[in-house]
Amino acid sequence: MKKLNSIEIKSAFAKIPGWKKKAAVISHKFEFKDFSAAMKFVNAIAKVAEKEQHHPDIDIRWNKVTLALTTHDAGGLTEKDFALAKKSDELSQR
């Protein structure tokens, strides 16, 4: 998968409000009503990540889950990162 350039990254960010970029990583902190809801989200993300063969870094803090995405093989951000970010946003609303 090809690494996105700065113009492509800026365009992709329009589709994932609330996400932040630091160097070659995009991240977002999701907040849930309790630990159980946070873990349900994490498990849903795990299933999608396995299917997509694209695994985020996941930090769990009681009712908060932070996802960090980058494509290590490409050395930066790719379409895979933004696609998983969008799916994560959708899963967080369930």
N, C-alpha and C. Protein backbone atom coordinates (compact mmCIF):
# COMPACT_ATOMS: atom_id res chain seq x y z
N MET A 1 0.85 -1.18 0.00
CA MET A 1 0.00 0.00 0.00
C MET A 1 0.89 1.24 0.00
N LYS A 2 0.51 2.21 -0.78
CA LYS A 2 1.32 3.42 -0.93
C LYS A 2 1.04 4.42 0.19
N LYS A 3 2.12 5.04 0.66
CA LYS A 3 2.04 6.08 1.68
C LYS A 3 1.39 7.32 1.07
N LEU A 4 0.47 7.93 1.83
CA LEU A 4 -0.21 9.13 1.34
C LEU A 4 0.68 10.36 1.47
N ASN A 5 0.51 11.30 0.53
CA ASN A 5 1.24 12.56 0.64
C ASN A 5 0.42 13.55 1.49
N SER A 6 0.96 14.69 1.77
CA SER A 6 0.31 15.64 2.68
C SER A 6 -1.05 16.13 2.18
N ILE A 7 -1.21 16.28 0.89
CA ILE A 7 -2.49 16.71 0.33
C ILE A 7 -3.54 15.61 0.50
N GLU A 8 -3.14 14.37 0.24
CA GLU A 8 -4.06 13.24 0.41
C GLU A 8 -4.45 13.05 1.88
N ILE A 9 -3.49 13.25 2.77
CA ILE A 9 -3.78 13.14 4.21
C ILE A 9 -4.77 14.21 4.64
N LYS A 10 -4.57 15.42 4.21
CA LYS A 10 -5.48 16.53 4.56
C LYS A 10 -6.89 16.23 4.07
N SER A 11 -7.01 15.71 2.86
CA SER A 11 -8.31 15.36 2.30
C SER A 11 -8.97 14.23 3.10
N ALA A 12 -8.18 13.23 3.47
CA ALA A 12 -8.71 12.09 4.23
C ALA A 12 -9.20 12.51 5.61
N PHE A 13 -8.56 13.50 6.22
CA PHE A 13 -8.97 13.98 7.54
C PHE A 13 -10.37 14.58 7.54
N ALA A 14 -10.83 15.06 6.42
CA ALA A 14 -12.18 15.63 6.34
C ALA A 14 -13.25 14.59 6.65
N LYS A 15 -12.91 13.31 6.49
CA LYS A 15 -13.88 12.23 6.69
C LYS A 15 -13.83 11.63 8.09
N ILE A 16 -12.88 12.09 8.92
CA ILE A 16 -12.75 11.53 10.28
C ILE A 16 -12.57 12.65 11.31
N PRO A 17 -13.60 13.44 11.53
CA PRO A 17 -13.48 14.53 12.51
C PRO A 17 -13.15 14.01 13.90
N GLY A 18 -12.35 14.78 14.63
CA GLY A 18 -11.98 14.40 15.98
C GLY A 18 -10.67 13.64 16.07
N TRP A 19 -10.17 13.15 14.97
CA TRP A 19 -8.90 12.44 14.96
C TRP A 19 -7.77 13.47 14.91
N LYS A 20 -6.62 13.09 15.47
CA LYS A 20 -5.44 13.97 15.48
C LYS A 20 -4.27 13.27 14.81
N LYS A 21 -3.38 14.08 14.25
CA LYS A 21 -2.18 13.54 13.60
C LYS A 21 -0.96 14.03 14.35
N LYS A 22 -0.07 13.10 14.64
CA LYS A 22 1.23 13.43 15.22
C LYS A 22 2.26 12.59 14.49
N ALA A 23 3.12 13.26 13.77
CA ALA A 23 4.11 12.60 12.91
C ALA A 23 3.37 11.70 11.92
N ALA A 24 3.66 10.41 11.90
CA ALA A 24 3.04 9.49 10.93
C ALA A 24 1.97 8.62 11.57
N VAL A 25 1.29 9.17 12.60
CA VAL A 25 0.26 8.42 13.32
C VAL A 25 -0.99 9.27 13.47
N ILE A 26 -2.15 8.65 13.26
CA ILE A 26 -3.41 9.31 13.58
C ILE A 26 -4.00 8.61 14.80
N SER A 27 -4.64 9.40 15.67
CA SER A 27 -5.19 8.81 16.88
C SER A 27 -6.49 9.50 17.28
N HIS A 28 -7.25 8.77 18.09
CA HIS A 28 -8.51 9.31 18.59
C HIS A 28 -8.84 8.64 19.91
N LYS A 29 -9.35 9.44 20.85
CA LYS A 29 -9.77 8.91 22.15
C LYS A 29 -11.30 8.83 22.15
N PHE A 30 -11.80 7.63 22.36
CA PHE A 30 -13.24 7.38 22.43
C PHE A 30 -13.62 7.24 23.91
N GLU A 31 -14.78 7.78 24.27
CA GLU A 31 -15.25 7.67 25.65
C GLU A 31 -16.60 6.96 25.67
N PHE A 32 -16.74 6.02 26.60
CA PHE A 32 -17.95 5.20 26.71
C PHE A 32 -18.56 5.34 28.10
N LYS A 33 -19.76 4.80 28.28
CA LYS A 33 -20.45 4.96 29.56
C LYS A 33 -19.78 4.20 30.69
N ASP A 34 -19.09 3.09 30.36
CA ASP A 34 -18.43 2.31 31.40
C ASP A 34 -17.40 1.37 30.76
N PHE A 35 -16.73 0.61 31.61
CA PHE A 35 -15.68 -0.31 31.16
C PHE A 35 -16.23 -1.37 30.21
N SER A 36 -17.39 -1.89 30.53
CA SER A 36 -17.99 -2.94 29.70
C SER A 36 -18.23 -2.45 28.27
N ALA A 37 -18.75 -1.24 28.14
CA ALA A 37 -19.00 -0.66 26.81
C ALA A 37 -17.68 -0.43 26.08
N ALA A 38 -16.67 0.01 26.80
CA ALA A 38 -15.36 0.23 26.19
C ALA A 38 -14.78 -1.08 25.66
N MET A 39 -14.92 -2.15 26.44
CA MET A 39 -14.40 -3.44 26.02
C MET A 39 -15.20 -4.02 24.85
N LYS A 40 -16.48 -3.76 24.81
CA LYS A 40 -17.29 -4.20 23.67
C LYS A 40 -16.76 -3.55 22.39
N PHE A 41 -16.45 -2.26 22.48
CA PHE A 41 -15.88 -1.53 21.35
C PHE A 41 -14.53 -2.12 20.95
N VAL A 42 -13.66 -2.37 21.93
CA VAL A 42 -12.34 -2.94 21.65
C VAL A 42 -12.47 -4.29 20.95
N ASN A 43 -13.38 -5.12 21.41
CA ASN A 43 -13.57 -6.43 20.78
C ASN A 43 -14.08 -6.28 19.34
N ALA A 44 -14.96 -5.32 19.12
CA ALA A 44 -15.45 -5.08 17.76
C ALA A 44 -14.31 -4.60 16.85
N ILE A 45 -13.47 -3.72 17.37
CA ILE A 45 -12.32 -3.24 16.61
C ILE A 45 -11.37 -4.40 16.30
N ALA A 46 -11.17 -5.27 17.27
CA ALA A 46 -10.27 -6.42 17.07
C ALA A 46 -10.74 -7.29 15.92
N LYS A 47 -12.05 -7.52 15.83
CA LYS A 47 -12.58 -8.34 14.74
C LYS A 47 -12.34 -7.68 13.39
N VAL A 48 -12.61 -6.39 13.31
CA VAL A 48 -12.40 -5.66 12.06
C VAL A 48 -10.91 -5.64 11.70
N ALA A 49 -10.07 -5.39 12.68
CA ALA A 49 -8.62 -5.32 12.44
C ALA A 49 -8.08 -6.65 11.91
N GLU A 50 -8.54 -7.74 12.48
CA GLU A 50 -8.10 -9.05 11.99
C GLU A 50 -8.55 -9.28 10.55
N LYS A 51 -9.78 -8.93 10.27
CA LYS A 51 -10.31 -9.10 8.91
C LYS A 51 -9.52 -8.25 7.92
N GLU A 52 -9.21 -7.03 8.31
CA GLU A 52 -8.50 -6.09 7.43
C GLU A 52 -6.99 -6.32 7.42
N GLN A 53 -6.50 -7.13 8.36
CA GLN A 53 -5.05 -7.32 8.52
C GLN A 53 -4.35 -5.98 8.75
N HIS A 54 -4.97 -5.16 9.61
CA HIS A 54 -4.42 -3.84 9.94
C HIS A 54 -4.75 -3.58 11.40
N HIS A 55 -3.74 -3.61 12.26
CA HIS A 55 -3.95 -3.63 13.69
C HIS A 55 -3.54 -2.32 14.35
N PRO A 56 -4.46 -1.66 15.03
CA PRO A 56 -4.13 -0.40 15.71
C PRO A 56 -3.43 -0.66 17.04
N ASP A 57 -2.74 0.35 17.54
CA ASP A 57 -2.30 0.35 18.92
C ASP A 57 -3.52 0.76 19.73
N ILE A 58 -3.81 0.04 20.81
CA ILE A 58 -5.01 0.28 21.60
C ILE A 58 -4.61 0.52 23.05
N ASP A 59 -5.08 1.65 23.61
CA ASP A 59 -4.85 1.97 25.01
C ASP A 59 -6.22 2.05 25.68
N ILE A 60 -6.41 1.24 26.73
CA ILE A 60 -7.70 1.17 27.42
C ILE A 60 -7.53 1.74 28.82
N ARG A 61 -8.36 2.72 29.16
CA ARG A 61 -8.38 3.34 30.49
C ARG A 61 -9.81 3.41 30.97
N TRP A 62 -10.26 2.41 31.69
CA TRP A 62 -11.61 2.24 32.20
C TRP A 62 -12.64 2.47 31.11
N ASN A 63 -13.18 3.69 30.94
CA ASN A 63 -14.21 3.92 29.93
C ASN A 63 -13.68 4.67 28.70
N LYS A 64 -12.37 4.79 28.61
CA LYS A 64 -11.76 5.49 27.47
C LYS A 64 -10.86 4.55 26.70
N VAL A 65 -10.96 4.63 25.38
CA VAL A 65 -10.14 3.80 24.50
C VAL A 65 -9.48 4.73 23.48
N THR A 66 -8.17 4.68 23.41
CA THR A 66 -7.45 5.47 22.42
C THR A 66 -6.89 4.52 21.37
N LEU A 67 -7.19 4.83 20.12
CA LEU A 67 -6.65 4.07 18.99
C LEU A 67 -5.59 4.92 18.31
N ALA A 68 -4.49 4.29 17.93
CA ALA A 68 -3.44 4.94 17.16
C ALA A 68 -3.17 4.09 15.93
N LEU A 69 -3.17 4.74 14.78
CA LEU A 69 -3.04 4.03 13.50
C LEU A 69 -1.89 4.59 12.66
N THR A 70 -1.16 3.68 12.07
CA THR A 70 -0.15 3.99 11.06
C THR A 70 0.10 2.69 10.29
N THR A 71 0.65 2.80 9.11
CA THR A 71 0.98 1.59 8.34
C THR A 71 2.49 1.44 8.37
N HIS A 72 2.96 0.59 9.27
CA HIS A 72 4.40 0.41 9.46
C HIS A 72 5.09 -0.03 8.19
N ASP A 73 4.47 -0.94 7.44
CA ASP A 73 5.08 -1.46 6.21
C ASP A 73 5.32 -0.36 5.17
N ALA A 74 4.45 0.65 5.17
CA ALA A 74 4.57 1.73 4.19
C ALA A 74 5.40 2.89 4.74
N GLY A 75 5.67 2.86 6.03
CA GLY A 75 6.46 3.94 6.63
C GLY A 75 5.67 5.22 6.85
N GLY A 76 4.37 5.10 7.02
CA GLY A 76 3.55 6.30 7.24
C GLY A 76 2.07 5.98 7.11
N LEU A 77 1.31 7.00 6.83
CA LEU A 77 -0.14 6.86 6.73
C LEU A 77 -0.56 6.43 5.32
N THR A 78 -1.53 5.51 5.29
CA THR A 78 -2.08 5.02 4.03
C THR A 78 -3.60 5.06 4.11
N GLU A 79 -4.23 4.70 3.01
CA GLU A 79 -5.69 4.62 2.97
C GLU A 79 -6.22 3.65 4.02
N LYS A 80 -5.46 2.60 4.32
CA LYS A 80 -5.88 1.62 5.33
C LYS A 80 -6.11 2.29 6.69
N ASP A 81 -5.25 3.22 7.04
CA ASP A 81 -5.39 3.90 8.33
C ASP A 81 -6.68 4.70 8.39
N PHE A 82 -6.97 5.42 7.35
CA PHE A 82 -8.17 6.26 7.34
C PHE A 82 -9.45 5.42 7.22
N ALA A 83 -9.37 4.31 6.51
CA ALA A 83 -10.53 3.41 6.42
C ALA A 83 -10.84 2.79 7.78
N LEU A 84 -9.81 2.36 8.52
CA LEU A 84 -10.05 1.78 9.84
C LEU A 84 -10.50 2.86 10.83
N ALA A 85 -10.00 4.06 10.68
CA ALA A 85 -10.45 5.17 11.53
C ALA A 85 -11.95 5.41 11.32
N LYS A 86 -12.39 5.43 10.08
CA LYS A 86 -13.81 5.65 9.79
C LYS A 86 -14.66 4.50 10.34
N LYS A 87 -14.21 3.27 10.18
CA LYS A 87 -14.94 2.13 10.73
C LYS A 87 -15.00 2.20 12.26
N SER A 88 -13.91 2.66 12.87
CA SER A 88 -13.87 2.81 14.32
C SER A 88 -14.90 3.84 14.79
N ASP A 89 -15.00 4.93 14.07
CA ASP A 89 -16.01 5.95 14.40
C ASP A 89 -17.41 5.34 14.34
N GLU A 90 -17.67 4.57 13.30
CA GLU A 90 -18.98 3.94 13.14
C GLU A 90 -19.25 2.94 14.27
N LEU A 91 -18.26 2.13 14.62
CA LEU A 91 -18.42 1.14 15.69
C LEU A 91 -18.63 1.81 17.05
N SER A 92 -18.06 2.96 17.24
CA SER A 92 -18.19 3.65 18.53
C SER A 92 -19.61 4.14 18.78
N GLN A 93 -20.40 4.24 17.73
CA GLN A 93 -21.78 4.74 17.84
C GLN A 93 -22.79 3.63 18.12
N ARG A 94 -22.35 2.40 18.12
CA ARG A 94 -23.27 1.27 18.33
C ARG A 94 -23.55 1.03 19.79
